[in-house]
Amino acid sequence: MRVNCNFKDSEYIIEILKTKKIIDFKNVIIKTIGDTTIKYIDLKFICENPIRSFGQQTINPGIFSRTWDNMTLDNYPLESKNLRIEIIKVEDYSTTENIQQKSQKKPMNRFKKFGRKNEMKPKPEKITFDYDIDFPPLGS
C-alpha cells in the first residue's frame, strides 16, 4: 500500500503492508523523515468527505485519534485510495509513560459485588412508646 505524506513542505511516499498497526506506520514515517528529534507524530487526513467502506472503520478528515494506534491498517478503507496525510510533530508525548499509566490499575473498591456485604449496616434504634402519655384516650 502506498501513502503520500507531507511534512514541512516535503512530500514522502511510503510503502507499508496492510497487516501492520498504525503505530508501526507512524514509526516508518518517522524513520523515513530521518529527523532524530521526532519521538511521536500525529496524522492529519486531508480529504473533503469521510472515506467509508462496508465493514471497515470510517476515515474522517482531521487529526487521527491516538487511541486507534493499535488497530491494523486493514481495518480502514485504504485500498486504491489516494490519501493525503499531513504529519504533525508532537513534542510532549511519551508512549512509555502512557503504557505505564495503563498498566497501573486502580483498585475497584468503589463497587459492591453482588450478593456480598462488605460493610455492616447500623442497626436501627428501637423506639419505645408510653402509650398512656403519647396517645391519651379520646374520651377523657
C-alpha atoms as a PDB file:
ATOM      1  CA  MET A   1       0.000   0.000   0.000  1.00  0.00           C
ATOM      2  CA  ARG A   2       1.306   3.470  -0.905  1.00  0.00           C
ATOM      3  CA  VAL A   3       0.590   6.602   1.076  1.00  0.00           C
ATOM      4  CA  ASN A   4       1.573  10.211   0.314  1.00  0.00           C
ATOM      5  CA  CYS A   5       2.656  12.163   3.399  1.00  0.00           C
ATOM      6  CA  ASN A   6       3.539  15.863   3.774  1.00  0.00           C
ATOM      7  CA  PHE A   7       5.881  17.216   6.437  1.00  0.00           C
ATOM      8  CA  LYS A   8       7.366  20.734   6.410  1.00  0.00           C
ATOM      9  CA  ASP A   9       6.729  21.291   2.695  1.00  0.00           C
ATOM     10  CA  SER A  10       8.334  17.942   1.791  1.00  0.00           C
ATOM     11  CA  GLU A  11       6.415  15.037   0.307  1.00  0.00           C
ATOM     12  CA  TYR A  12       7.173  11.420   1.176  1.00  0.00           C
ATOM     13  CA  ILE A  13       5.761   8.292  -0.479  1.00  0.00           C
ATOM     14  CA  ILE A  14       5.646   5.409   1.980  1.00  0.00           C
ATOM     15  CA  GLU A  15       5.075   1.718   1.246  1.00  0.00           C
ATOM     16  CA  ILE A  16       3.684  -0.427   4.072  1.00  0.00           C
ATOM     17  CA  LEU A  17       1.845  -3.719   4.432  1.00  0.00           C
ATOM     18  CA  LYS A  18      -1.860  -3.664   5.310  1.00  0.00           C
ATOM     19  CA  THR A  19      -1.290  -6.093   8.189  1.00  0.00           C
ATOM     20  CA  LYS A  20       0.820  -3.592  10.150  1.00  0.00           C
ATOM     21  CA  LYS A  21      -0.554  -1.490  13.002  1.00  0.00           C
ATOM     22  CA  ILE A  22      -0.958   2.265  12.807  1.00  0.00           C
ATOM     23  CA  ILE A  23       1.781   2.777  15.415  1.00  0.00           C
ATOM     24  CA  ASP A  24       4.119   0.800  13.121  1.00  0.00           C
ATOM     25  CA  PHE A  25       3.047   3.052  10.244  1.00  0.00           C
ATOM     26  CA  LYS A  26       3.891   6.119  12.335  1.00  0.00           C
ATOM     27  CA  ASN A  27       7.319   4.645  13.194  1.00  0.00           C
ATOM     28  CA  VAL A  28       8.013   4.013   9.489  1.00  0.00           C
ATOM     29  CA  ILE A  29       7.117   7.634   8.753  1.00  0.00           C
ATOM     30  CA  ILE A  30       9.478   8.854  11.495  1.00  0.00           C
ATOM     31  CA  LYS A  31      12.311   6.704  10.070  1.00  0.00           C
ATOM     32  CA  THR A  32      11.577   7.929   6.530  1.00  0.00           C
ATOM     33  CA  ILE A  33      11.731  11.569   7.603  1.00  0.00           C
ATOM     34  CA  GLY A  34      15.093  10.942   9.269  1.00  0.00           C
ATOM     35  CA  ASP A  35      14.737  13.611  11.955  1.00  0.00           C
ATOM     36  CA  THR A  36      16.094  12.218  15.233  1.00  0.00           C
ATOM     37  CA  THR A  37      14.319  14.846  17.348  1.00  0.00           C
ATOM     38  CA  ILE A  38      10.884  13.455  16.457  1.00  0.00           C
ATOM     39  CA  LYS A  39       9.637  10.947  19.042  1.00  0.00           C
ATOM     40  CA  TYR A  40       5.952  10.799  18.127  1.00  0.00           C
ATOM     41  CA  ILE A  41       3.698  12.150  15.388  1.00  0.00           C
ATOM     42  CA  ASP A  42       0.022  12.696  14.747  1.00  0.00           C
ATOM     43  CA  LEU A  43      -1.566  12.048  11.382  1.00  0.00           C
ATOM     44  CA  LYS A  44      -3.940  14.583   9.862  1.00  0.00           C
ATOM     45  CA  PHE A  45      -6.040  13.222   6.995  1.00  0.00           C
ATOM     46  CA  ILE A  46      -6.719  15.782   4.302  1.00  0.00           C
ATOM     47  CA  CYS A  47      -9.907  14.910   2.445  1.00  0.00           C
ATOM     48  CA  GLU A  48     -13.161  16.677   1.648  1.00  0.00           C
ATOM     49  CA  ASN A  49     -15.539  13.948   2.786  1.00  0.00           C
ATOM     50  CA  PRO A  50     -15.248  10.965   5.142  1.00  0.00           C
ATOM     51  CA  ILE A  51     -13.927   7.825   3.459  1.00  0.00           C
ATOM     52  CA  ARG A  52     -16.255   4.891   4.090  1.00  0.00           C
ATOM     53  CA  SER A  53     -16.343   1.265   3.111  1.00  0.00           C
ATOM     54  CA  PHE A  54     -18.663  -1.546   4.160  1.00  0.00           C
ATOM     55  CA  GLY A  55     -17.355  -3.481   7.183  1.00  0.00           C
ATOM     56  CA  GLN A  56     -14.455  -1.117   7.868  1.00  0.00           C
ATOM     57  CA  GLN A  57     -13.792   1.936  10.011  1.00  0.00           C
ATOM     58  CA  THR A  58     -14.529   5.405   8.627  1.00  0.00           C
ATOM     59  CA  ILE A  59     -11.663   7.806   7.990  1.00  0.00           C
ATOM     60  CA  ASN A  60     -12.788  11.304   8.884  1.00  0.00           C
ATOM     61  CA  PRO A  61     -10.909  14.427   7.807  1.00  0.00           C
ATOM     62  CA  GLY A  62      -8.738  15.851  10.561  1.00  0.00           C
ATOM     63  CA  ILE A  63      -6.321  14.538  13.160  1.00  0.00           C
ATOM     64  CA  PHE A  64      -6.421  10.780  13.624  1.00  0.00           C
ATOM     65  CA  SER A  65      -7.152   9.729  17.220  1.00  0.00           C
ATOM     66  CA  ARG A  66      -4.241   8.243  19.189  1.00  0.00           C
ATOM     67  CA  THR A  67      -6.488   5.616  20.745  1.00  0.00           C
ATOM     68  CA  TRP A  68      -6.598   3.835  17.375  1.00  0.00           C
ATOM     69  CA  ASP A  69      -2.810   3.287  17.247  1.00  0.00           C
ATOM     70  CA  ASN A  70      -3.120  -0.435  17.971  1.00  0.00           C
ATOM     71  CA  MET A  71      -5.556  -1.087  15.099  1.00  0.00           C
ATOM     72  CA  THR A  72      -4.255  -2.696  11.935  1.00  0.00           C
ATOM     73  CA  LEU A  73      -4.366  -0.866   8.631  1.00  0.00           C
ATOM     74  CA  ASP A  74      -6.661  -3.459   7.029  1.00  0.00           C
ATOM     75  CA  ASN A  75      -9.489  -2.181   9.284  1.00  0.00           C
ATOM     76  CA  TYR A  76      -9.597   1.025   7.222  1.00  0.00           C
ATOM     77  CA  PRO A  77     -10.656   1.668   3.629  1.00  0.00           C
ATOM     78  CA  LEU A  78      -7.176   2.498   2.321  1.00  0.00           C
ATOM     79  CA  GLU A  79      -7.102   0.236  -0.731  1.00  0.00           C
ATOM     80  CA  SER A  80      -6.959   2.124  -4.050  1.00  0.00           C
ATOM     81  CA  LYS A  81      -7.454   5.468  -2.319  1.00  0.00           C
ATOM     82  CA  ASN A  82      -5.263   8.492  -2.891  1.00  0.00           C
ATOM     83  CA  LEU A  83      -4.702   9.566   0.700  1.00  0.00           C
ATOM     84  CA  ARG A  84      -3.058  12.815   1.582  1.00  0.00           C
ATOM     85  CA  ILE A  85      -1.710  12.851   5.114  1.00  0.00           C
ATOM     86  CA  GLU A  86      -0.133  15.789   6.890  1.00  0.00           C
ATOM     87  CA  ILE A  87       2.363  14.856   9.598  1.00  0.00           C
ATOM     88  CA  ILE A  88       2.228  16.801  12.867  1.00  0.00           C
ATOM     89  CA  LYS A  89       5.210  16.584  15.209  1.00  0.00           C
ATOM     90  CA  VAL A  90       4.258  16.042  18.868  1.00  0.00           C
ATOM     91  CA  GLU A  91       6.684  17.448  21.424  1.00  0.00           C
ATOM     92  CA  ASP A  92       5.399  16.331  24.820  1.00  0.00           C
ATOM     93  CA  TYR A  93       4.091  12.825  24.227  1.00  0.00           C
ATOM     94  CA  SER A  94       5.800   9.709  25.549  1.00  0.00           C
ATOM     95  CA  THR A  95       4.432   6.295  24.659  1.00  0.00           C
ATOM     96  CA  THR A  96       6.302   4.617  27.533  1.00  0.00           C
ATOM     97  CA  GLU A  97       4.639   6.888  30.119  1.00  0.00           C
ATOM     98  CA  ASN A  98       1.207   6.141  28.678  1.00  0.00           C
ATOM     99  CA  ILE A  99       1.849   2.392  28.749  1.00  0.00           C
ATOM    100  CA  GLN A 100       2.944   2.626  32.400  1.00  0.00           C
ATOM    101  CA  GLN A 101      -0.180   4.594  33.290  1.00  0.00           C
ATOM    102  CA  LYS A 102      -2.392   1.972  31.676  1.00  0.00           C
ATOM    103  CA  SER A 103      -0.631  -0.875  33.470  1.00  0.00           C
ATOM    104  CA  GLN A 104      -1.248   0.665  36.908  1.00  0.00           C
ATOM    105  CA  LYS A 105      -4.762  -0.473  37.625  1.00  0.00           C
ATOM    106  CA  LYS A 106      -6.807   1.366  40.193  1.00  0.00           C
ATOM    107  CA  PRO A 107      -8.413  -0.666  42.956  1.00  0.00           C
ATOM    108  CA  MET A 108     -12.064  -1.365  42.382  1.00  0.00           C
ATOM    109  CA  ASN A 109     -13.163  -0.736  45.974  1.00  0.00           C
ATOM    110  CA  ARG A 110     -15.915   1.637  44.983  1.00  0.00           C
ATOM    111  CA  PHE A 111     -18.160  -1.111  43.608  1.00  0.00           C
ATOM    112  CA  LYS A 112     -20.039  -3.589  45.769  1.00  0.00           C
ATOM    113  CA  LYS A 113     -20.055  -7.103  44.488  1.00  0.00           C
ATOM    114  CA  PHE A 114     -23.477  -8.607  44.078  1.00  0.00           C
ATOM    115  CA  GLY A 115     -24.589 -10.822  46.969  1.00  0.00           C
ATOM    116  CA  ARG A 116     -21.816  -9.818  49.350  1.00  0.00           C
ATOM    117  CA  LYS A 117     -21.965  -7.403  52.218  1.00  0.00           C
ATOM    118  CA  ASN A 118     -18.717  -5.515  52.651  1.00  0.00           C
ATOM    119  CA  GLU A 119     -19.947  -3.275  55.403  1.00  0.00           C
ATOM    120  CA  MET A 120     -22.123  -3.922  58.421  1.00  0.00           C
ATOM    121  CA  LYS A 121     -25.257  -1.813  58.330  1.00  0.00           C
ATOM    122  CA  PRO A 122     -26.019   0.028  61.567  1.00  0.00           C
ATOM    123  CA  LYS A 123     -28.905  -1.474  63.468  1.00  0.00           C
ATOM    124  CA  PRO A 124     -31.890   0.856  63.738  1.00  0.00           C
ATOM    125  CA  GLU A 125     -32.722   2.152  67.193  1.00  0.00           C
ATOM    126  CA  LYS A 126     -35.839   0.735  68.790  1.00  0.00           C
ATOM    127  CA  ILE A 127     -38.341   3.395  69.670  1.00  0.00           C
ATOM    128  CA  THR A 128     -40.368   2.743  72.792  1.00  0.00           C
ATOM    129  CA  PHE A 129     -43.746   4.371  73.275  1.00  0.00           C
ATOM    130  CA  ASP A 130     -45.524   5.030  76.515  1.00  0.00           C
ATOM    131  CA  TYR A 131     -48.988   4.671  75.082  1.00  0.00           C
ATOM    132  CA  ASP A 132     -50.780   6.297  78.007  1.00  0.00           C
ATOM    133  CA  ILE A 133     -48.740   9.521  77.686  1.00  0.00           C
ATOM    134  CA  ASP A 134     -48.050   9.587  73.929  1.00  0.00           C
ATOM    135  CA  PHE A 135     -51.563   8.533  72.888  1.00  0.00           C
ATOM    136  CA  PRO A 136     -54.120   9.573  75.519  1.00  0.00           C
ATOM    137  CA  PRO A 137     -57.646   8.148  75.310  1.00  0.00           C
ATOM    138  CA  LEU A 138     -60.105  10.262  73.299  1.00  0.00           C
ATOM    139  CA  GLY A 139     -62.926  10.349  75.806  1.00  0.00           C
ATOM    140  CA  SER A 140     -61.094  11.902  78.744  1.00  0.00           C
END
